[in-house]
Amino acid sequence: MREPSLAPRALSALAVALRVAAWAIVLLVVADAVLPAGARTWLLGVNGALSRLVPGALSGLFVLQTPLGGAFRGDFTVVAIVLLVLDWICCRASASLR
């Protein structure tokens, strides 16, 4: 029986990290959209940090006001989708190397 290579395990770990980051961003998008104004102020630092990581061409796109007074951050949503696609790619690559 041979030892599994380090590459599949590293890709699996990267996939998990990407998945966790994507779902954290999804939770932030939901919180930005539905929380009242007072509670959203707690998220300003997180929103600012994530906004700095979003590519300039995408930053601020698809930001829509919600009926609850919040904002749907479409730019964050696109980033979360990209992270989930990268997660899927890492999982497929990891499985093909096993």
PDB file of N, CA and C in Angstrom:
ATOM      1  N   MET A   1       0.845  -1.165   0.000  1.00  0.00           N
ATOM      2  CA  MET A   1       0.000   0.000   0.000  1.00  0.00           C
ATOM      3  C   MET A   1       0.893   1.230   0.000  1.00  0.00           C
ATOM      4  N   ARG A   2       0.616   2.150  -0.913  1.00  0.00           N
ATOM      5  CA  ARG A   2       1.471   3.326  -0.984  1.00  0.00           C
ATOM      6  C   ARG A   2       0.822   4.503  -0.273  1.00  0.00           C
ATOM      7  N   GLU A   3       1.680   5.385   0.209  1.00  0.00           N
ATOM      8  CA  GLU A   3       1.224   6.595   0.882  1.00  0.00           C
ATOM      9  C   GLU A   3       0.598   7.548  -0.132  1.00  0.00           C
ATOM     10  N   PRO A   4      -0.513   8.187   0.242  1.00  0.00           N
ATOM     11  CA  PRO A   4      -1.070   9.188  -0.664  1.00  0.00           C
ATOM     12  C   PRO A   4      -0.118  10.383  -0.771  1.00  0.00           C
ATOM     13  N   SER A   5      -0.067  10.961  -1.932  1.00  0.00           N
ATOM     14  CA  SER A   5       0.809  12.092  -2.185  1.00  0.00           C
ATOM     15  C   SER A   5       0.370  13.305  -1.369  1.00  0.00           C
ATOM     16  N   LEU A   6       1.275  14.225  -1.200  1.00  0.00           N
ATOM     17  CA  LEU A   6       0.981  15.445  -0.465  1.00  0.00           C
ATOM     18  C   LEU A   6       0.062  16.364  -1.267  1.00  0.00           C
ATOM     19  N   ALA A   7       0.153  16.322  -2.587  1.00  0.00           N
ATOM     20  CA  ALA A   7      -0.633  17.223  -3.439  1.00  0.00           C
ATOM     21  C   ALA A   7      -2.148  17.060  -3.245  1.00  0.00           C
ATOM     22  N   PRO A   8      -2.694  15.844  -3.241  1.00  0.00           N
ATOM     23  CA  PRO A   8      -4.151  15.742  -3.029  1.00  0.00           C
ATOM     24  C   PRO A   8      -4.596  16.260  -1.668  1.00  0.00           C
ATOM     25  N   ARG A   9      -3.796  16.000  -0.647  1.00  0.00           N
ATOM     26  CA  ARG A   9      -4.157  16.494   0.685  1.00  0.00           C
ATOM     27  C   ARG A   9      -4.083  18.011   0.750  1.00  0.00           C
ATOM     28  N   ALA A  10      -3.077  18.594   0.104  1.00  0.00           N
ATOM     29  CA  ALA A  10      -2.954  20.054   0.079  1.00  0.00           C
ATOM     30  C   ALA A  10      -4.113  20.676  -0.690  1.00  0.00           C
ATOM     31  N   LEU A  11      -4.487  20.070  -1.800  1.00  0.00           N
ATOM     32  CA  LEU A  11      -5.621  20.585  -2.570  1.00  0.00           C
ATOM     33  C   LEU A  11      -6.924  20.460  -1.786  1.00  0.00           C
ATOM     34  N   SER A  12      -7.076  19.378  -1.048  1.00  0.00           N
ATOM     35  CA  SER A  12      -8.269  19.213  -0.217  1.00  0.00           C
ATOM     36  C   SER A  12      -8.318  20.268   0.879  1.00  0.00           C
ATOM     37  N   ALA A  13      -7.189  20.536   1.495  1.00  0.00           N
ATOM     38  CA  ALA A  13      -7.134  21.566   2.534  1.00  0.00           C
ATOM     39  C   ALA A  13      -7.428  22.945   1.951  1.00  0.00           C
ATOM     40  N   LEU A  14      -6.895  23.216   0.772  1.00  0.00           N
ATOM     41  CA  LEU A  14      -7.169  24.491   0.101  1.00  0.00           C
ATOM     42  C   LEU A  14      -8.646  24.604  -0.242  1.00  0.00           C
ATOM     43  N   ALA A  15      -9.245  23.509  -0.684  1.00  0.00           N
ATOM     44  CA  ALA A  15     -10.671  23.501  -1.013  1.00  0.00           C
ATOM     45  C   ALA A  15     -11.515  23.830   0.219  1.00  0.00           C
ATOM     46  N   VAL A  16     -11.169  23.259   1.344  1.00  0.00           N
ATOM     47  CA  VAL A  16     -11.912  23.533   2.580  1.00  0.00           C
ATOM     48  C   VAL A  16     -11.768  25.004   2.968  1.00  0.00           C
ATOM     49  N   ALA A  17     -10.563  25.543   2.856  1.00  0.00           N
ATOM     50  CA  ALA A  17     -10.343  26.953   3.192  1.00  0.00           C
ATOM     51  C   ALA A  17     -11.149  27.872   2.271  1.00  0.00           C
ATOM     52  N   LEU A  18     -11.160  27.553   0.984  1.00  0.00           N
ATOM     53  CA  LEU A  18     -11.939  28.343   0.028  1.00  0.00           C
ATOM     54  C   LEU A  18     -13.432  28.263   0.334  1.00  0.00           C
ATOM     55  N   ARG A  19     -13.902  27.066   0.687  1.00  0.00           N
ATOM     56  CA  ARG A  19     -15.324  26.870   0.993  1.00  0.00           C
ATOM     57  C   ARG A  19     -15.727  27.654   2.242  1.00  0.00           C
ATOM     58  N   VAL A  20     -14.900  27.610   3.270  1.00  0.00           N
ATOM     59  CA  VAL A  20     -15.190  28.341   4.503  1.00  0.00           C
ATOM     60  C   VAL A  20     -15.216  29.849   4.232  1.00  0.00           C
ATOM     61  N   ALA A  21     -14.247  30.338   3.458  1.00  0.00           N
ATOM     62  CA  ALA A  21     -14.211  31.764   3.124  1.00  0.00           C
ATOM     63  C   ALA A  21     -15.446  32.170   2.326  1.00  0.00           C
ATOM     64  N   ALA A  22     -15.843  31.338   1.367  1.00  0.00           N
ATOM     65  CA  ALA A  22     -17.012  31.649   0.546  1.00  0.00           C
ATOM     66  C   ALA A  22     -18.276  31.728   1.393  1.00  0.00           C
ATOM     67  N   TRP A  23     -18.465  30.771   2.284  1.00  0.00           N
ATOM     68  CA  TRP A  23     -19.679  30.779   3.110  1.00  0.00           C
ATOM     69  C   TRP A  23     -19.653  31.906   4.131  1.00  0.00           C
ATOM     70  N   ALA A  24     -18.478  32.300   4.583  1.00  0.00           N
ATOM     71  CA  ALA A  24     -18.388  33.464   5.477  1.00  0.00           C
ATOM     72  C   ALA A  24     -18.811  34.734   4.732  1.00  0.00           C
ATOM     73  N   ILE A  25     -18.416  34.835   3.472  1.00  0.00           N
ATOM     74  CA  ILE A  25     -18.817  35.988   2.664  1.00  0.00           C
ATOM     75  C   ILE A  25     -20.318  35.957   2.410  1.00  0.00           C
ATOM     76  N   VAL A  26     -20.874  34.781   2.169  1.00  0.00           N
ATOM     77  CA  VAL A  26     -22.324  34.668   1.973  1.00  0.00           C
ATOM     78  C   VAL A  26     -23.059  35.147   3.229  1.00  0.00           C
ATOM     79  N   LEU A  27     -22.588  34.741   4.399  1.00  0.00           N
ATOM     80  CA  LEU A  27     -23.204  35.205   5.646  1.00  0.00           C
ATOM     81  C   LEU A  27     -23.100  36.722   5.799  1.00  0.00           C
ATOM     82  N   LEU A  28     -21.970  37.286   5.384  1.00  0.00           N
ATOM     83  CA  LEU A  28     -21.796  38.737   5.444  1.00  0.00           C
ATOM     84  C   LEU A  28     -22.767  39.434   4.491  1.00  0.00           C
ATOM     85  N   VAL A  29     -22.962  38.895   3.296  1.00  0.00           N
ATOM     86  CA  VAL A  29     -23.908  39.476   2.337  1.00  0.00           C
ATOM     87  C   VAL A  29     -25.316  39.467   2.924  1.00  0.00           C
ATOM     88  N   VAL A  30     -25.702  38.355   3.521  1.00  0.00           N
ATOM     89  CA  VAL A  30     -27.037  38.262   4.123  1.00  0.00           C
ATOM     90  C   VAL A  30     -27.160  39.248   5.277  1.00  0.00           C
ATOM     91  N   ALA A  31     -26.144  39.326   6.124  1.00  0.00           N
ATOM     92  CA  ALA A  31     -26.190  40.247   7.255  1.00  0.00           C
ATOM     93  C   ALA A  31     -26.285  41.696   6.776  1.00  0.00           C
ATOM     94  N   ASP A  32     -25.528  42.045   5.747  1.00  0.00           N
ATOM     95  CA  ASP A  32     -25.589  43.403   5.202  1.00  0.00           C
ATOM     96  C   ASP A  32     -26.970  43.719   4.649  1.00  0.00           C
ATOM     97  N   ALA A  33     -27.646  42.724   4.130  1.00  0.00           N
ATOM     98  CA  ALA A  33     -28.950  42.949   3.497  1.00  0.00           C
ATOM     99  C   ALA A  33     -30.094  43.027   4.503  1.00  0.00           C
ATOM    100  N   VAL A  34     -30.015  42.291   5.604  1.00  0.00           N
ATOM    101  CA  VAL A  34     -31.188  42.183   6.478  1.00  0.00           C
ATOM    102  C   VAL A  34     -31.046  42.803   7.859  1.00  0.00           C
ATOM    103  N   LEU A  35     -29.845  43.037   8.328  1.00  0.00           N
ATOM    104  CA  LEU A  35     -29.694  43.596   9.672  1.00  0.00           C
ATOM    105  C   LEU A  35     -30.102  45.064   9.702  1.00  0.00           C
ATOM    106  N   PRO A  36     -30.652  45.527  10.819  1.00  0.00           N
ATOM    107  CA  PRO A  36     -30.970  46.950  10.939  1.00  0.00           C
ATOM    108  C   PRO A  36     -29.690  47.791  10.989  1.00  0.00           C
ATOM    109  N   ALA A  37     -29.845  49.086  10.772  1.00  0.00           N
ATOM    110  CA  ALA A  37     -28.690  49.985  10.639  1.00  0.00           C
ATOM    111  C   ALA A  37     -27.745  49.911  11.840  1.00  0.00           C
ATOM    112  N   GLY A  38     -28.264  49.861  13.042  1.00  0.00           N
ATOM    113  CA  GLY A  38     -27.405  49.814  14.221  1.00  0.00           C
ATOM    114  C   GLY A  38     -26.524  48.584  14.261  1.00  0.00           C
ATOM    115  N   ALA A  39     -27.084  47.457  13.941  1.00  0.00           N
ATOM    116  CA  ALA A  39     -26.319  46.209  13.957  1.00  0.00           C
ATOM    117  C   ALA A  39     -25.331  46.145  12.795  1.00  0.00           C
ATOM    118  N   ARG A  40     -25.668  46.785  11.681  1.00  0.00           N
ATOM    119  CA  ARG A  40     -24.760  46.768  10.519  1.00  0.00           C
ATOM    120  C   ARG A  40     -23.485  47.551  10.784  1.00  0.00           C
ATOM    121  N   THR A  41     -23.514  48.481  11.725  1.00  0.00           N
ATOM    122  CA  THR A  41     -22.302  49.252  12.017  1.00  0.00           C
ATOM    123  C   THR A  41     -21.195  48.354  12.569  1.00  0.00           C
ATOM    124  N   TRP A  42     -21.577  47.254  13.185  1.00  0.00           N
ATOM    125  CA  TRP A  42     -20.568  46.308  13.678  1.00  0.00           C
ATOM    126  C   TRP A  42     -19.806  45.654  12.533  1.00  0.00           C
ATOM    127  N   LEU A  43     -20.410  45.636  11.357  1.00  0.00           N
ATOM    128  CA  LEU A  43     -19.806  44.968  10.210  1.00  0.00           C
ATOM    129  C   LEU A  43     -18.965  45.897   9.336  1.00  0.00           C
ATOM    130  N   LEU A  44     -18.884  47.178   9.680  1.00  0.00           N
ATOM    131  CA  LEU A  44     -18.175  48.130   8.829  1.00  0.00           C
ATOM    132  C   LEU A  44     -16.709  47.748   8.629  1.00  0.00           C
ATOM    133  N   GLY A  45     -16.050  47.322   9.667  1.00  0.00           N
ATOM    134  CA  GLY A  45     -14.645  46.925   9.548  1.00  0.00           C
ATOM    135  C   GLY A  45     -14.466  45.722   8.648  1.00  0.00           C
ATOM    136  N   VAL A  46     -15.346  44.737   8.795  1.00  0.00           N
ATOM    137  CA  VAL A  46     -15.271  43.527   7.968  1.00  0.00           C
ATOM    138  C   VAL A  46     -15.571  43.879   6.510  1.00  0.00           C
ATOM    139  N   ASN A  47     -16.596  44.708   6.298  1.00  0.00           N
ATOM    140  CA  ASN A  47     -16.926  45.123   4.935  1.00  0.00           C
ATOM    141  C   ASN A  47     -15.774  45.889   4.295  1.00  0.00           C
ATOM    142  N   GLY A  48     -15.143  46.755   5.066  1.00  0.00           N
ATOM    143  CA  GLY A  48     -14.005  47.521   4.540  1.00  0.00           C
ATOM    144  C   GLY A  48     -12.835  46.631   4.183  1.00  0.00           C
ATOM    145  N   ALA A  49     -12.544  45.679   5.050  1.00  0.00           N
ATOM    146  CA  ALA A  49     -11.427  44.762   4.782  1.00  0.00           C
ATOM    147  C   ALA A  49     -11.697  43.925   3.534  1.00  0.00           C
ATOM    148  N   LEU A  50     -12.924  43.416   3.412  1.00  0.00           N
ATOM    149  CA  LEU A  50     -13.255  42.610   2.240  1.00  0.00           C
ATOM    150  C   LEU A  50     -13.290  43.465   0.974  1.00  0.00           C
ATOM    151  N   SER A  51     -13.752  44.702   1.094  1.00  0.00           N
ATOM    152  CA  SER A  51     -13.791  45.598  -0.069  1.00  0.00           C
ATOM    153  C   SER A  51     -12.390  45.847  -0.614  1.00  0.00           C
ATOM    154  N   ARG A  52     -11.393  45.910   0.274  1.00  0.00           N
ATOM    155  CA  ARG A  52     -10.013  46.100  -0.181  1.00  0.00           C
ATOM    156  C   ARG A  52      -9.481  44.878  -0.917  1.00  0.00           C
ATOM    157  N   LEU A  53     -10.038  43.703  -0.650  1.00  0.00           N
ATOM    158  CA  LEU A  53      -9.587  42.477  -1.315  1.00  0.00           C
ATOM    159  C   LEU A  53     -10.286  42.229  -2.646  1.00  0.00           C
ATOM    160  N   VAL A  54     -11.438  42.876  -2.854  1.00  0.00           N
ATOM    161  CA  VAL A  54     -12.190  42.704  -4.099  1.00  0.00           C
ATOM    162  C   VAL A  54     -11.458  43.459  -5.208  1.00  0.00           C
ATOM    163  N   PRO A  55     -11.286  42.843  -6.378  1.00  0.00           N
ATOM    164  CA  PRO A  55     -10.620  43.545  -7.485  1.00  0.00           C
ATOM    165  C   PRO A  55     -11.341  44.856  -7.813  1.00  0.00           C
ATOM    166  N   GLY A  56     -10.569  45.867  -8.183  1.00  0.00           N
ATOM    167  CA  GLY A  56     -11.108  47.202  -8.432  1.00  0.00           C
ATOM    168  C   GLY A  56     -12.215  47.233  -9.473  1.00  0.00           C
ATOM    169  N   ALA A  57     -12.083  46.420 -10.511  1.00  0.00           N
ATOM    170  CA  ALA A  57     -13.099  46.412 -11.573  1.00  0.00           C
ATOM    171  C   ALA A  57     -14.433  45.884 -11.066  1.00  0.00           C
ATOM    172  N   LEU A  58     -14.415  45.080 -10.039  1.00  0.00           N
ATOM    173  CA  LEU A  58     -15.634  44.472  -9.503  1.00  0.00           C
ATOM    174  C   LEU A  58     -16.190  45.230  -8.296  1.00  0.00           C
ATOM    175  N   SER A  59     -15.336  45.952  -7.612  1.00  0.00           N
ATOM    176  CA  SER A  59     -15.725  46.620  -6.371  1.00  0.00           C
ATOM    177  C   SER A  59     -16.848  47.628  -6.613  1.00  0.00           C
ATOM    178  N   GLY A  60     -17.903  47.483  -5.842  1.00  0.00           N
ATOM    179  CA  GLY A  60     -19.030  48.396  -5.924  1.00  0.00           C
ATOM    180  C   GLY A  60     -20.068  48.048  -6.972  1.00  0.00           C
ATOM    181  N   LEU A  61     -19.802  47.048  -7.804  1.00  0.00           N
ATOM    182  CA  LEU A  61     -20.780  46.647  -8.820  1.00  0.00           C
ATOM    183  C   LEU A  61     -21.878  45.807  -8.185  1.00  0.00           C
ATOM    184  N   PHE A  62     -23.059  45.914  -8.710  1.00  0.00           N
ATOM    185  CA  PHE A  62     -24.205  45.103  -8.288  1.00  0.00           C
ATOM    186  C   PHE A  62     -24.577  45.317  -6.817  1.00  0.00           C
ATOM    187  N   VAL A  63     -24.319  46.507  -6.285  1.00  0.00           N
ATOM    188  CA  VAL A  63     -24.728  46.827  -4.923  1.00  0.00           C
ATOM    189  C   VAL A  63     -26.124  47.443  -5.007  1.00  0.00           C
ATOM    190  N   LEU A  64     -27.100  46.768  -4.398  1.00  0.00           N
ATOM    191  CA  LEU A  64     -28.494  47.179  -4.498  1.00  0.00           C
ATOM    192  C   LEU A  64     -29.080  47.404  -3.106  1.00  0.00           C
ATOM    193  N   GLN A  65     -29.872  48.455  -2.978  1.00  0.00           N
ATOM    194  CA  GLN A  65     -30.541  48.718  -1.711  1.00  0.00           C
ATOM    195  C   GLN A  65     -31.662  47.707  -1.512  1.00  0.00           C
ATOM    196  N   THR A  66     -31.819  47.232  -0.273  1.00  0.00           N
ATOM    197  CA  THR A  66     -32.882  46.278   0.037  1.00  0.00           C
ATOM    198  C   THR A  66     -34.038  46.996   0.721  1.00  0.00           C
ATOM    199  N   PRO A  67     -35.228  46.417   0.687  1.00  0.00           N
ATOM    200  CA  PRO A  67     -36.367  47.038   1.364  1.00  0.00           C
ATOM    201  C   PRO A  67     -36.186  47.154   2.882  1.00  0.00           C
ATOM    202  N   LEU A  68     -35.266  46.383   3.434  1.00  0.00           N
ATOM    203  CA  LEU A  68     -35.037  46.413   4.875  1.00  0.00           C
ATOM    204  C   LEU A  68     -34.060  47.509   5.287  1.00  0.00           C
ATOM    205  N   GLY A  69     -33.598  48.304   4.322  1.00  0.00           N
ATOM    206  CA  GLY A  69     -32.683  49.390   4.621  1.00  0.00           C
ATOM    207  C   GLY A  69     -31.227  49.022   4.472  1.00  0.00           C
ATOM    208  N   GLY A  70     -30.945  47.775   4.200  1.00  0.00           N
ATOM    209  CA  GLY A  70     -29.567  47.329   4.011  1.00  0.00           C
ATOM    210  C   GLY A  70     -29.173  47.404   2.550  1.00  0.00           C
ATOM    211  N   ALA A  71     -28.109  46.722   2.222  1.00  0.00           N
ATOM    212  CA  ALA A  71     -27.638  46.692   0.847  1.00  0.00           C
ATOM    213  C   ALA A  71     -27.225  45.271   0.496  1.00  0.00           C
ATOM    214  N   PHE A  72     -27.672  44.817  -0.669  1.00  0.00           N
ATOM    215  CA  PHE A  72     -27.217  43.537  -1.202  1.00  0.00           C
ATOM    216  C   PHE A  72     -25.905  43.805  -1.904  1.00  0.00           C
ATOM    217  N   ARG A  73     -24.830  43.182  -1.428  1.00  0.00           N
ATOM    218  CA  ARG A  73     -23.504  43.397  -2.011  1.00  0.00           C
ATOM    219  C   ARG A  73     -23.252  42.366  -3.097  1.00  0.00           C
ATOM    220  N   GLY A  74     -23.582  42.732  -4.311  1.00  0.00           N
ATOM    221  CA  GLY A  74     -23.384  41.844  -5.441  1.00  0.00           C
ATOM    222  C   GLY A  74     -21.923  41.564  -5.715  1.00  0.00           C
ATOM    223  N   ASP A  75     -21.055  42.537  -5.441  1.00  0.00           N
ATOM    224  CA  ASP A  75     -19.626  42.312  -5.643  1.00  0.00           C
ATOM    225  C   ASP A  75     -19.111  41.233  -4.695  1.00  0.00           C
ATOM    226  N   PHE A  76     -19.582  41.239  -3.453  1.00  0.00           N
ATOM    227  CA  PHE A  76     -19.199  40.188  -2.511  1.00  0.00           C
ATOM    228  C   PHE A  76     -19.771  38.843  -2.945  1.00  0.00           C
ATOM    229  N   THR A  77     -20.977  38.873  -3.484  1.00  0.00           N
ATOM    230  CA  THR A  77     -21.617  37.640  -3.947  1.00  0.00           C
ATOM    231  C   THR A  77     -20.828  37.015  -5.080  1.00  0.00           C
ATOM    232  N   VAL A  78     -20.353  37.829  -6.005  1.00  0.00           N
ATOM    233  CA  VAL A  78     -19.548  37.318  -7.122  1.00  0.00           C
ATOM    234  C   VAL A  78     -18.251  36.704  -6.592  1.00  0.00           C
ATOM    235  N   VAL A  79     -17.633  37.351  -5.612  1.00  0.00           N
ATOM    236  CA  VAL A  79     -16.410  36.806  -5.007  1.00  0.00           C
ATOM    237  C   VAL A  79     -16.699  35.457  -4.354  1.00  0.00           C
ATOM    238  N   ALA A  80     -17.815  35.346  -3.648  1.00  0.00           N
ATOM    239  CA  ALA A  80     -18.180  34.074  -3.006  1.00  0.00           C
ATOM    240  C   ALA A  80     -18.390  32.984  -4.057  1.00  0.00           C
ATOM    241  N   ILE A  81     -19.039  33.312  -5.162  1.00  0.00           N
ATOM    242  CA  ILE A  81     -19.257  32.334  -6.226  1.00  0.00           C
ATOM    243  C   ILE A  81     -17.934  31.889  -6.822  1.00  0.00           C
ATOM    244  N   VAL A  82     -17.026  32.831  -7.047  1.00  0.00           N
ATOM    245  CA  VAL A  82     -15.707  32.482  -7.592  1.00  0.00           C
ATOM    246  C   VAL A  82     -14.968  31.559  -6.621  1.00  0.00           C
ATOM    247  N   LEU A  83     -15.043  31.852  -5.331  1.00  0.00           N
ATOM    248  CA  LEU A  83     -14.382  30.988  -4.340  1.00  0.00           C
ATOM    249  C   LEU A  83     -14.986  29.587  -4.331  1.00  0.00           C
ATOM    250  N   LEU A  84     -16.305  29.482  -4.484  1.00  0.00           N
ATOM    251  CA  LEU A  84     -16.943  28.158  -4.526  1.00  0.00           C
ATOM    252  C   LEU A  84     -16.565  27.390  -5.792  1.00  0.00           C
ATOM    253  N   VAL A  85     -16.405  28.090  -6.905  1.00  0.00           N
ATOM    254  CA  VAL A  85     -15.956  27.431  -8.141  1.00  0.00           C
ATOM    255  C   VAL A  85     -14.515  26.952  -7.977  1.00  0.00           C
ATOM    256  N   LEU A  86     -13.670  27.775  -7.364  1.00  0.00           N
ATOM    257  CA  LEU A  86     -12.287  27.349  -7.115  1.00  0.00           C
ATOM    258  C   LEU A  86     -12.237  26.162  -6.160  1.00  0.00           C
ATOM    259  N   ASP A  87     -13.128  26.148  -5.176  1.00  0.00           N
ATOM    260  CA  ASP A  87     -13.254  25.008  -4.266  1.00  0.00           C
ATOM    261  C   ASP A  87     -13.583  23.741  -5.051  1.00  0.00           C
ATOM    262  N   TRP A  88     -14.546  23.843  -5.948  1.00  0.00           N
ATOM    263  CA  TRP A  88     -14.948  22.692  -6.764  1.00  0.00           C
ATOM    264  C   TRP A  88     -13.781  22.208  -7.624  1.00  0.00           C
ATOM    265  N   ILE A  89     -13.042  23.149  -8.216  1.00  0.00           N
ATOM    266  CA  ILE A  89     -11.895  22.793  -9.048  1.00  0.00           C
ATOM    267  C   ILE A  89     -10.832  22.079  -8.224  1.00  0.00           C
ATOM    268  N   CYS A  90     -10.566  22.585  -7.019  1.00  0.00           N
ATOM    269  CA  CYS A  90      -9.574  21.934  -6.139  1.00  0.00           C
ATOM    270  C   CYS A  90     -10.027  20.536  -5.750  1.00  0.00           C
ATOM    271  N   CYS A  91     -11.317  20.364  -5.466  1.00  0.00           N
ATOM    272  CA  CYS A  91     -11.828  19.038  -5.117  1.00  0.00           C
ATOM    273  C   CYS A  91     -11.675  18.066  -6.281  1.00  0.00           C
ATOM    274  N   ARG A  92     -11.995  18.522  -7.473  1.00  0.00           N
ATOM    275  CA  ARG A  92     -11.861  17.661  -8.659  1.00  0.00           C
ATOM    276  C   ARG A  92     -10.392  17.291  -8.905  1.00  0.00           C
ATOM    277  N   ALA A  93      -9.512  18.293  -8.768  1.00  0.00           N
ATOM    278  CA  ALA A  93      -8.088  18.029  -8.993  1.00  0.00           C
ATOM    279  C   ALA A  93      -7.544  17.076  -7.929  1.00  0.00           C
ATOM    280  N   SER A  94      -7.975  17.261  -6.688  1.00  0.00           N
ATOM    281  CA  SER A  94      -7.545  16.369  -5.618  1.00  0.00           C
ATOM    282  C   SER A  94      -8.004  14.933  -5.863  1.00  0.00           C
ATOM    283  N   ALA A  95      -9.256  14.780  -6.291  1.00  0.00           N
ATOM    284  CA  ALA A  95      -9.775  13.443  -6.562  1.00  0.00           C
ATOM    285  C   ALA A  95      -9.069  12.775  -7.734  1.00  0.00           C
ATOM    286  N   SER A  96      -8.682  13.571  -8.724  1.00  0.00           N
ATOM    287  CA  SER A  96      -8.020  12.973  -9.888  1.00  0.00           C
ATOM    288  C   SER A  96      -6.573  12.561  -9.577  1.00  0.00           C
ATOM    289  N   LEU A  97      -5.991  13.152  -8.542  1.00  0.00           N
ATOM    290  CA  LEU A  97      -4.608  12.809  -8.175  1.00  0.00           C
ATOM    291  C   LEU A  97      -4.524  11.629  -7.216  1.00  0.00           C
ATOM    292  N   ARG A  98      -5.637  11.183  -6.688  1.00  0.00           N
ATOM    293  CA  ARG A  98      -5.614  10.076  -5.721  1.00  0.00           C
ATOM    294  C   ARG A  98      -5.521   8.736  -6.406  1.00  0.00           C
TER     295      ARG A  98
END
